[in-house]
Amino acid sequence: MSTQGLDAAETAAWVRLAALVELLPAVLDSQLRRDAGLTHFEYLVLGMLADTPERVLRMSALAARTNATLPRLSHVVTRLEARGLLMRRPCPEDGRASNVVLTDAGHEAFRDATPRHEATVRRYVFDVLDRDQVADVAEIAERILRTIDPDGTMTALCRLPVPERTA
């Protein structure tokens, strides 16, 4: 591990990456709030449940997949439960744990929000990149994720193949 400071190229790259990490979530959150009445995190919670068998996850597994603390997730689940999008049920394997179930209304809300959300992602991310740059972004993100999420706790569901380059 290096203990030296960042050089000029690393500083330039880091400042841009840090700005991206700060600005993009706000753009995505704004679109989802306006078009679907969901925060970006609520959309992520619904999506994680939509991608699982029977649309059910133990609360602790959902927290790991969304990189949330249990108190934060519990607050969001309570809010989504009040809107009829989720239900909490006792875990049959462990009476001390709770499962979170995506309701039909929650699944529909996720499905309805997805096209506009994907259009926003396309507009702000992919429309400004060529196919080789998309592959570069995927590869760069994969390398960084291997260091910050080595066990794949949060990124297990995004282990799709890296896009191929055009040439």
N, C-alpha and C. Protein backbone atom coordinates (compact mmCIF):
# COMPACT_ATOMS: atom_id res chain seq x y z
N MET A 1 0.85 -1.18 0.00
CA MET A 1 0.00 0.00 0.00
C MET A 1 0.89 1.24 0.00
N SER A 2 0.56 2.16 -0.87
CA SER A 2 1.34 3.38 -1.02
C SER A 2 0.94 4.39 0.05
N THR A 3 1.93 5.09 0.58
CA THR A 3 1.64 6.13 1.56
C THR A 3 1.91 7.52 0.99
N GLN A 4 2.32 7.58 -0.28
CA GLN A 4 2.58 8.88 -0.88
C GLN A 4 1.28 9.54 -1.32
N GLY A 5 1.35 10.86 -1.48
CA GLY A 5 0.18 11.61 -1.90
C GLY A 5 -0.19 11.33 -3.34
N LEU A 6 -1.29 11.89 -3.76
CA LEU A 6 -1.77 11.71 -5.12
C LEU A 6 -0.97 12.61 -6.06
N ASP A 7 -0.65 12.08 -7.25
CA ASP A 7 0.00 12.93 -8.24
C ASP A 7 -1.07 13.75 -8.96
N ALA A 8 -0.67 14.60 -9.89
CA ALA A 8 -1.61 15.51 -10.57
C ALA A 8 -2.70 14.74 -11.32
N ALA A 9 -2.33 13.68 -12.02
CA ALA A 9 -3.31 12.89 -12.78
C ALA A 9 -4.29 12.20 -11.83
N GLU A 10 -3.79 11.64 -10.74
CA GLU A 10 -4.66 10.98 -9.76
C GLU A 10 -5.60 12.00 -9.10
N THR A 11 -5.06 13.17 -8.77
CA THR A 11 -5.89 14.22 -8.17
C THR A 11 -7.00 14.64 -9.11
N ALA A 12 -6.67 14.84 -10.40
CA ALA A 12 -7.68 15.23 -11.38
C ALA A 12 -8.76 14.16 -11.51
N ALA A 13 -8.34 12.90 -11.56
CA ALA A 13 -9.31 11.79 -11.66
C ALA A 13 -10.15 11.71 -10.39
N TRP A 14 -9.52 11.83 -9.23
CA TRP A 14 -10.23 11.72 -7.97
C TRP A 14 -11.27 12.82 -7.80
N VAL A 15 -10.91 14.07 -8.12
CA VAL A 15 -11.85 15.18 -7.98
C VAL A 15 -13.08 14.94 -8.85
N ARG A 16 -12.87 14.45 -10.05
CA ARG A 16 -13.99 14.18 -10.94
C ARG A 16 -14.85 13.01 -10.43
N LEU A 17 -14.21 11.96 -9.95
CA LEU A 17 -14.95 10.82 -9.40
C LEU A 17 -15.75 11.24 -8.17
N ALA A 18 -15.12 12.02 -7.29
CA ALA A 18 -15.82 12.48 -6.09
C ALA A 18 -17.03 13.34 -6.45
N ALA A 19 -16.88 14.21 -7.45
CA ALA A 19 -18.01 15.04 -7.90
C ALA A 19 -19.13 14.16 -8.45
N LEU A 20 -18.76 13.16 -9.24
CA LEU A 20 -19.74 12.23 -9.80
C LEU A 20 -20.49 11.50 -8.69
N VAL A 21 -19.76 11.01 -7.70
CA VAL A 21 -20.37 10.28 -6.58
C VAL A 21 -21.32 11.18 -5.79
N GLU A 22 -21.05 12.47 -5.74
CA GLU A 22 -21.92 13.40 -5.04
C GLU A 22 -23.13 13.82 -5.87
N LEU A 23 -22.92 14.11 -7.15
CA LEU A 23 -23.97 14.70 -7.97
C LEU A 23 -24.95 13.70 -8.57
N LEU A 24 -24.47 12.55 -9.05
CA LEU A 24 -25.35 11.61 -9.73
C LEU A 24 -26.47 11.08 -8.83
N PRO A 25 -26.20 10.70 -7.58
CA PRO A 25 -27.32 10.23 -6.75
C PRO A 25 -28.43 11.27 -6.59
N ALA A 26 -28.08 12.55 -6.52
CA ALA A 26 -29.10 13.58 -6.37
C ALA A 26 -29.95 13.69 -7.63
N VAL A 27 -29.33 13.55 -8.80
CA VAL A 27 -30.07 13.57 -10.07
C VAL A 27 -31.05 12.40 -10.12
N LEU A 28 -30.57 11.21 -9.76
CA LEU A 28 -31.41 10.02 -9.79
C LEU A 28 -32.53 10.11 -8.76
N ASP A 29 -32.20 10.60 -7.57
CA ASP A 29 -33.19 10.74 -6.51
C ASP A 29 -34.29 11.72 -6.91
N SER A 30 -33.89 12.83 -7.51
CA SER A 30 -34.85 13.84 -7.94
C SER A 30 -35.83 13.28 -8.96
N GLN A 31 -35.31 12.56 -9.95
CA GLN A 31 -36.19 11.98 -10.98
C GLN A 31 -37.16 10.98 -10.36
N LEU A 32 -36.67 10.11 -9.50
CA LEU A 32 -37.54 9.09 -8.90
C LEU A 32 -38.59 9.72 -8.00
N ARG A 33 -38.22 10.73 -7.24
CA ARG A 33 -39.20 11.42 -6.39
C ARG A 33 -40.30 12.05 -7.24
N ARG A 34 -39.88 12.73 -8.30
CA ARG A 34 -40.83 13.43 -9.17
C ARG A 34 -41.74 12.45 -9.91
N ASP A 35 -41.17 11.41 -10.50
CA ASP A 35 -41.94 10.51 -11.37
C ASP A 35 -42.60 9.34 -10.67
N ALA A 36 -42.04 8.90 -9.54
CA ALA A 36 -42.57 7.68 -8.91
C ALA A 36 -42.88 7.85 -7.42
N GLY A 37 -42.55 9.00 -6.86
CA GLY A 37 -42.80 9.20 -5.43
C GLY A 37 -41.92 8.33 -4.56
N LEU A 38 -40.76 7.95 -5.08
CA LEU A 38 -39.81 7.10 -4.36
C LEU A 38 -38.46 7.79 -4.27
N THR A 39 -37.75 7.56 -3.18
CA THR A 39 -36.36 7.98 -3.14
C THR A 39 -35.53 6.93 -3.90
N HIS A 40 -34.32 7.29 -4.23
CA HIS A 40 -33.44 6.34 -4.91
C HIS A 40 -33.21 5.11 -4.02
N PHE A 41 -33.07 5.33 -2.71
CA PHE A 41 -32.87 4.20 -1.79
C PHE A 41 -34.11 3.32 -1.73
N GLU A 42 -35.30 3.92 -1.71
CA GLU A 42 -36.53 3.12 -1.70
C GLU A 42 -36.63 2.28 -2.98
N TYR A 43 -36.28 2.88 -4.11
CA TYR A 43 -36.27 2.15 -5.38
C TYR A 43 -35.28 0.98 -5.31
N LEU A 44 -34.11 1.22 -4.73
CA LEU A 44 -33.12 0.15 -4.56
C LEU A 44 -33.68 -0.98 -3.70
N VAL A 45 -34.34 -0.66 -2.61
CA VAL A 45 -34.94 -1.68 -1.74
C VAL A 45 -35.97 -2.50 -2.52
N LEU A 46 -36.86 -1.82 -3.24
CA LEU A 46 -37.87 -2.53 -4.02
C LEU A 46 -37.20 -3.41 -5.08
N GLY A 47 -36.16 -2.90 -5.72
CA GLY A 47 -35.45 -3.66 -6.75
C GLY A 47 -34.75 -4.89 -6.21
N MET A 48 -34.15 -4.77 -5.05
CA MET A 48 -33.48 -5.94 -4.45
C MET A 48 -34.49 -7.04 -4.15
N LEU A 49 -35.66 -6.65 -3.69
CA LEU A 49 -36.70 -7.65 -3.41
C LEU A 49 -37.29 -8.21 -4.70
N ALA A 50 -37.43 -7.38 -5.71
CA ALA A 50 -38.00 -7.83 -6.99
C ALA A 50 -37.10 -8.87 -7.66
N ASP A 51 -35.81 -8.81 -7.35
CA ASP A 51 -34.84 -9.72 -7.98
C ASP A 51 -34.61 -11.01 -7.19
N THR A 52 -35.41 -11.27 -6.18
CA THR A 52 -35.21 -12.47 -5.38
C THR A 52 -36.38 -13.43 -5.56
N PRO A 53 -36.11 -14.72 -5.35
CA PRO A 53 -37.22 -15.69 -5.43
C PRO A 53 -38.31 -15.33 -4.42
N GLU A 54 -39.49 -15.39 -4.88
CA GLU A 54 -40.67 -15.12 -4.06
C GLU A 54 -40.72 -13.70 -3.52
N ARG A 55 -39.81 -12.83 -3.97
CA ARG A 55 -39.77 -11.41 -3.58
C ARG A 55 -39.69 -11.25 -2.05
N VAL A 56 -38.84 -12.07 -1.42
CA VAL A 56 -38.69 -12.07 0.04
C VAL A 56 -37.21 -12.09 0.39
N LEU A 57 -36.83 -11.28 1.38
CA LEU A 57 -35.48 -11.33 1.95
C LEU A 57 -35.56 -11.11 3.45
N ARG A 58 -34.66 -11.75 4.17
CA ARG A 58 -34.51 -11.47 5.59
C ARG A 58 -34.02 -10.03 5.72
N MET A 59 -34.47 -9.34 6.73
CA MET A 59 -34.12 -7.94 6.93
C MET A 59 -32.60 -7.73 6.92
N SER A 60 -31.86 -8.59 7.56
CA SER A 60 -30.40 -8.44 7.61
C SER A 60 -29.77 -8.63 6.23
N ALA A 61 -30.30 -9.53 5.43
CA ALA A 61 -29.79 -9.74 4.07
C ALA A 61 -30.11 -8.53 3.19
N LEU A 62 -31.30 -7.97 3.36
CA LEU A 62 -31.67 -6.78 2.61
C LEU A 62 -30.78 -5.60 3.01
N ALA A 63 -30.47 -5.49 4.28
CA ALA A 63 -29.57 -4.42 4.74
C ALA A 63 -28.19 -4.57 4.10
N ALA A 64 -27.69 -5.79 4.02
CA ALA A 64 -26.39 -6.02 3.41
C ALA A 64 -26.41 -5.67 1.92
N ARG A 65 -27.46 -6.07 1.24
CA ARG A 65 -27.55 -5.83 -0.21
C ARG A 65 -27.75 -4.36 -0.55
N THR A 66 -28.26 -3.58 0.38
CA THR A 66 -28.48 -2.16 0.12
C THR A 66 -27.46 -1.28 0.85
N ASN A 67 -26.53 -1.92 1.55
CA ASN A 67 -25.49 -1.20 2.30
C ASN A 67 -26.11 -0.25 3.32
N ALA A 68 -27.16 -0.71 3.97
CA ALA A 68 -27.87 0.11 4.95
C ALA A 68 -27.69 -0.46 6.35
N THR A 69 -27.75 0.41 7.33
CA THR A 69 -27.82 -0.07 8.70
C THR A 69 -29.22 -0.61 8.93
N LEU A 70 -29.36 -1.49 9.89
CA LEU A 70 -30.70 -2.02 10.19
C LEU A 70 -31.66 -0.91 10.64
N PRO A 71 -31.23 0.07 11.46
CA PRO A 71 -32.17 1.14 11.81
C PRO A 71 -32.64 1.96 10.59
N ARG A 72 -31.72 2.29 9.68
CA ARG A 72 -32.12 3.05 8.48
C ARG A 72 -33.08 2.22 7.64
N LEU A 73 -32.74 0.95 7.42
CA LEU A 73 -33.60 0.10 6.61
C LEU A 73 -34.96 -0.07 7.27
N SER A 74 -34.99 -0.27 8.57
CA SER A 74 -36.25 -0.44 9.28
C SER A 74 -37.15 0.78 9.10
N HIS A 75 -36.57 1.96 9.15
CA HIS A 75 -37.34 3.20 8.95
C HIS A 75 -37.94 3.24 7.54
N VAL A 76 -37.14 2.88 6.54
CA VAL A 76 -37.60 2.89 5.15
C VAL A 76 -38.66 1.81 4.92
N VAL A 77 -38.44 0.62 5.48
CA VAL A 77 -39.41 -0.46 5.35
C VAL A 77 -40.74 -0.04 5.98
N THR A 78 -40.69 0.59 7.14
CA THR A 78 -41.91 1.06 7.79
C THR A 78 -42.66 2.04 6.88
N ARG A 79 -41.92 2.96 6.26
CA ARG A 79 -42.53 3.94 5.36
C ARG A 79 -43.16 3.26 4.14
N LEU A 80 -42.43 2.31 3.55
CA LEU A 80 -42.96 1.60 2.37
C LEU A 80 -44.09 0.65 2.74
N GLU A 81 -44.04 0.12 3.95
CA GLU A 81 -45.11 -0.75 4.44
C GLU A 81 -46.41 0.06 4.60
N ALA A 82 -46.29 1.29 5.10
CA ALA A 82 -47.46 2.15 5.27
C ALA A 82 -48.11 2.47 3.93
N ARG A 83 -47.33 2.44 2.87
CA ARG A 83 -47.85 2.71 1.52
C ARG A 83 -48.32 1.44 0.82
N GLY A 84 -48.21 0.29 1.51
CA GLY A 84 -48.67 -0.98 0.95
C GLY A 84 -47.70 -1.60 -0.05
N LEU A 85 -46.45 -1.12 -0.09
CA LEU A 85 -45.49 -1.63 -1.05
C LEU A 85 -44.68 -2.81 -0.52
N LEU A 86 -44.59 -2.92 0.80
CA LEU A 86 -43.87 -4.01 1.47
C LEU A 86 -44.69 -4.52 2.64
N MET A 87 -44.34 -5.73 3.08
CA MET A 87 -44.90 -6.29 4.32
C MET A 87 -43.74 -6.89 5.10
N ARG A 88 -43.83 -6.80 6.41
CA ARG A 88 -42.87 -7.48 7.29
C ARG A 88 -43.56 -8.71 7.84
N ARG A 89 -42.82 -9.82 7.83
CA ARG A 89 -43.34 -11.08 8.34
C ARG A 89 -42.27 -11.74 9.22
N PRO A 90 -42.69 -12.49 10.24
CA PRO A 90 -41.68 -13.23 11.02
C PRO A 90 -40.95 -14.22 10.11
N CYS A 91 -39.68 -14.38 10.36
CA CYS A 91 -38.88 -15.34 9.60
C CYS A 91 -39.17 -16.74 10.12
N PRO A 92 -39.61 -17.67 9.26
CA PRO A 92 -39.97 -19.01 9.74
C PRO A 92 -38.76 -19.79 10.27
N GLU A 93 -37.57 -19.51 9.77
CA GLU A 93 -36.36 -20.23 10.22
C GLU A 93 -35.78 -19.67 11.51
N ASP A 94 -36.08 -18.40 11.81
CA ASP A 94 -35.51 -17.74 12.98
C ASP A 94 -36.54 -16.76 13.52
N GLY A 95 -37.17 -17.11 14.60
CA GLY A 95 -38.23 -16.29 15.17
C GLY A 95 -37.79 -14.91 15.61
N ARG A 96 -36.48 -14.72 15.78
CA ARG A 96 -35.98 -13.40 16.18
C ARG A 96 -35.83 -12.46 14.99
N ALA A 97 -35.86 -13.00 13.80
CA ALA A 97 -35.63 -12.20 12.60
C ALA A 97 -36.94 -11.90 11.88
N SER A 98 -36.88 -10.90 11.02
CA SER A 98 -38.03 -10.54 10.19
C SER A 98 -37.68 -10.68 8.73
N ASN A 99 -38.66 -11.10 7.95
CA ASN A 99 -38.53 -11.09 6.50
C ASN A 99 -39.27 -9.88 5.97
N VAL A 100 -38.79 -9.37 4.83
CA VAL A 100 -39.46 -8.28 4.14
C VAL A 100 -39.98 -8.86 2.83
N VAL A 101 -41.26 -8.63 2.57
CA VAL A 101 -41.93 -9.17 1.39
C VAL A 101 -42.37 -8.02 0.50
N LEU A 102 -42.03 -8.10 -0.78
CA LEU A 102 -42.50 -7.13 -1.76
C LEU A 102 -43.93 -7.49 -2.14
N THR A 103 -44.85 -6.58 -1.93
CA THR A 103 -46.26 -6.84 -2.28
C THR A 103 -46.44 -6.69 -3.79
N ASP A 104 -47.61 -7.11 -4.25
CA ASP A 104 -47.92 -6.91 -5.67
C ASP A 104 -47.89 -5.42 -6.03
N ALA A 105 -48.40 -4.59 -5.13
CA ALA A 105 -48.38 -3.14 -5.36
C ALA A 105 -46.95 -2.61 -5.40
N GLY A 106 -46.09 -3.15 -4.55
CA GLY A 106 -44.69 -2.76 -4.55
C GLY A 106 -43.98 -3.18 -5.82
N HIS A 107 -44.29 -4.39 -6.28
CA HIS A 107 -43.70 -4.88 -7.52
C HIS A 107 -44.16 -4.01 -8.69
N GLU A 108 -45.42 -3.65 -8.69
CA GLU A 108 -45.95 -2.80 -9.75
C GLU A 108 -45.31 -1.41 -9.70
N ALA A 109 -45.14 -0.86 -8.50
CA ALA A 109 -44.50 0.45 -8.36
C ALA A 109 -43.07 0.42 -8.89
N PHE A 110 -42.34 -0.67 -8.58
CA PHE A 110 -40.98 -0.82 -9.08
C PHE A 110 -40.99 -0.92 -10.60
N ARG A 111 -41.85 -1.78 -11.14
CA ARG A 111 -41.93 -1.95 -12.61
C ARG A 111 -42.31 -0.64 -13.30
N ASP A 112 -43.24 0.10 -12.70
CA ASP A 112 -43.68 1.37 -13.30
C ASP A 112 -42.57 2.43 -13.26
N ALA A 113 -41.77 2.42 -12.21
CA ALA A 113 -40.71 3.43 -12.06
C ALA A 113 -39.49 3.13 -12.94
N THR A 114 -39.29 1.88 -13.28
CA THR A 114 -38.06 1.47 -13.96
C THR A 114 -37.83 2.11 -15.33
N PRO A 115 -38.80 2.18 -16.22
CA PRO A 115 -38.50 2.78 -17.54
C PRO A 115 -38.03 4.23 -17.46
N ARG A 116 -38.67 5.04 -16.64
CA ARG A 116 -38.25 6.45 -16.52
C ARG A 116 -36.90 6.55 -15.82
N HIS A 117 -36.69 5.69 -14.83
CA HIS A 117 -35.39 5.68 -14.13
C HIS A 117 -34.28 5.29 -15.10
N GLU A 118 -34.51 4.24 -15.88
CA GLU A 118 -33.49 3.81 -16.84
C GLU A 118 -33.26 4.88 -17.91
N ALA A 119 -34.31 5.61 -18.29
CA ALA A 119 -34.14 6.70 -19.26
C ALA A 119 -33.26 7.81 -18.67
N THR A 120 -33.41 8.06 -17.39
CA THR A 120 -32.57 9.07 -16.73
C THR A 120 -31.13 8.60 -16.66
N VAL A 121 -30.92 7.35 -16.30
CA VAL A 121 -29.56 6.80 -16.28
C VAL A 121 -28.95 6.88 -17.67
N ARG A 122 -29.73 6.52 -18.66
CA ARG A 122 -29.22 6.60 -20.05
C ARG A 122 -28.84 8.04 -20.38
N ARG A 123 -29.72 8.98 -20.09
CA ARG A 123 -29.47 10.38 -20.45
C ARG A 123 -28.20 10.93 -19.81
N TYR A 124 -28.03 10.67 -18.50
CA TYR A 124 -26.92 11.28 -17.78
C TYR A 124 -25.64 10.46 -17.77
N VAL A 125 -25.73 9.18 -18.11
CA VAL A 125 -24.52 8.34 -18.06
C VAL A 125 -24.19 7.79 -19.44
N PHE A 126 -25.06 6.99 -19.99
CA PHE A 126 -24.68 6.22 -21.18
C PHE A 126 -24.76 6.98 -22.49
N ASP A 127 -25.62 7.98 -22.59
CA ASP A 127 -25.68 8.74 -23.84
C ASP A 127 -24.41 9.55 -24.10
N VAL A 128 -23.62 9.81 -23.08
CA VAL A 128 -22.39 10.58 -23.26
C VAL A 128 -21.16 9.69 -23.44
N LEU A 129 -21.37 8.38 -23.49
CA LEU A 129 -20.27 7.42 -23.62
C LEU A 129 -20.43 6.60 -24.89
N ASP A 130 -19.30 6.20 -25.48
CA ASP A 130 -19.38 5.23 -26.57
C ASP A 130 -19.26 3.83 -25.96
N ARG A 131 -19.44 2.79 -26.77
CA ARG A 131 -19.46 1.41 -26.25
C ARG A 131 -18.16 1.04 -25.54
N ASP A 132 -17.02 1.48 -26.06
CA ASP A 132 -15.75 1.18 -25.39
C ASP A 132 -15.67 1.87 -24.03
N GLN A 133 -16.20 3.07 -23.92
CA GLN A 133 -16.20 3.77 -22.64
C GLN A 133 -17.13 3.10 -21.64
N VAL A 134 -18.25 2.55 -22.12
CA VAL A 134 -19.13 1.78 -21.24
C VAL A 134 -18.37 0.59 -20.67
N ALA A 135 -17.62 -0.11 -21.52
CA ALA A 135 -16.80 -1.23 -21.06
C ALA A 135 -15.74 -0.75 -20.08
N ASP A 136 -15.15 0.42 -20.33
CA ASP A 136 -14.15 0.98 -19.41
C ASP A 136 -14.76 1.27 -18.05
N VAL A 137 -15.94 1.88 -18.04
CA VAL A 137 -16.60 2.20 -16.77
C VAL A 137 -16.89 0.92 -15.99
N ALA A 138 -17.40 -0.10 -16.67
CA ALA A 138 -17.70 -1.37 -16.01
C ALA A 138 -16.43 -2.00 -15.43
N GLU A 139 -15.37 -1.98 -16.19
CA GLU A 139 -14.11 -2.57 -15.73
C GLU A 139 -13.53 -1.79 -14.55
N ILE A 140 -13.55 -0.47 -14.65
CA ILE A 140 -13.03 0.37 -13.56
C ILE A 140 -13.86 0.16 -12.29
N ALA A 141 -15.17 0.17 -12.44
CA ALA A 141 -16.03 -0.03 -11.27
C ALA A 141 -15.80 -1.41 -10.66
N GLU A 142 -15.63 -2.43 -11.49
CA GLU A 142 -15.38 -3.79 -10.98
C GLU A 142 -14.09 -3.84 -10.17
N ARG A 143 -13.06 -3.20 -10.67
CA ARG A 143 -11.77 -3.20 -9.94
C ARG A 143 -11.89 -2.50 -8.60
N ILE A 144 -12.58 -1.36 -8.57
CA ILE A 144 -12.74 -0.62 -7.32
C ILE A 144 -13.62 -1.42 -6.36
N LEU A 145 -14.70 -2.01 -6.89
CA LEU A 145 -15.59 -2.80 -6.03
C LEU A 145 -14.87 -3.99 -5.40
N ARG A 146 -13.94 -4.60 -6.12
CA ARG A 146 -13.18 -5.73 -5.54
C ARG A 146 -12.41 -5.31 -4.30
N THR A 147 -12.01 -4.04 -4.23
CA THR A 147 -11.26 -3.60 -3.04
C THR A 147 -12.17 -3.12 -1.92
N ILE A 148 -13.30 -2.50 -2.26
CA ILE A 148 -14.17 -1.97 -1.20
C ILE A 148 -15.29 -2.92 -0.80
N ASP A 149 -15.54 -3.94 -1.61
CA ASP A 149 -16.56 -4.95 -1.31
C ASP A 149 -16.00 -6.33 -1.68
N PRO A 150 -14.88 -6.72 -1.04
CA PRO A 150 -14.20 -7.96 -1.46
C PRO A 150 -15.04 -9.22 -1.32
N ASP A 151 -15.96 -9.24 -0.39
CA ASP A 151 -16.82 -10.41 -0.20
C ASP A 151 -18.05 -10.37 -1.10
N GLY A 152 -18.24 -9.28 -1.81
CA GLY A 152 -19.39 -9.15 -2.70
C GLY A 152 -20.71 -9.02 -1.96
N THR A 153 -20.68 -8.56 -0.71
CA THR A 153 -21.90 -8.46 0.09
C THR A 153 -22.96 -7.61 -0.60
N MET A 154 -22.57 -6.43 -1.06
CA MET A 154 -23.54 -5.56 -1.71
C MET A 154 -23.60 -5.80 -3.21
N THR A 155 -22.51 -6.22 -3.78
CA THR A 155 -22.43 -6.28 -5.24
C THR A 155 -22.69 -7.67 -5.82
N ALA A 156 -23.14 -8.59 -5.01
CA ALA A 156 -23.36 -9.96 -5.49
C ALA A 156 -24.35 -10.00 -6.66
N LEU A 157 -25.34 -9.13 -6.63
CA LEU A 157 -26.35 -9.14 -7.68
C LEU A 157 -25.90 -8.44 -8.95
N CYS A 158 -24.76 -7.74 -8.90
CA CYS A 158 -24.32 -7.03 -10.11
C CYS A 158 -23.10 -7.70 -10.73
N ARG A 159 -22.98 -8.99 -10.55
CA ARG A 159 -21.85 -9.71 -11.12
C ARG A 159 -22.11 -10.14 -12.56
N LEU A 160 -22.63 -9.21 -13.33
CA LEU A 160 -22.87 -9.45 -14.75
C LEU A 160 -21.54 -9.34 -15.49
N PRO A 161 -21.43 -9.95 -16.65
CA PRO A 161 -20.17 -9.84 -17.40
C PRO A 161 -19.90 -8.39 -17.80
N VAL A 162 -18.62 -8.04 -17.82
CA VAL A 162 -18.21 -6.72 -18.26
C VAL A 162 -18.50 -6.61 -19.75
N PRO A 163 -19.10 -5.51 -20.19
CA PRO A 163 -19.42 -5.36 -21.62
C PRO A 163 -18.17 -5.48 -22.50
N GLU A 164 -18.36 -6.03 -23.67
CA GLU A 164 -17.25 -6.18 -24.60
C GLU A 164 -17.00 -4.87 -25.32
N ARG A 165 -15.77 -4.71 -25.76
CA ARG A 165 -15.38 -3.54 -26.54
C ARG A 165 -15.80 -3.76 -28.00
N THR A 166 -15.90 -2.67 -28.74
CA THR A 166 -16.38 -2.76 -30.12
C THR A 166 -15.31 -3.31 -31.07
N ALA A 167 -14.05 -3.09 -30.78
CA ALA A 167 -13.01 -3.56 -31.71
C ALA A 167 -12.02 -4.46 -31.02
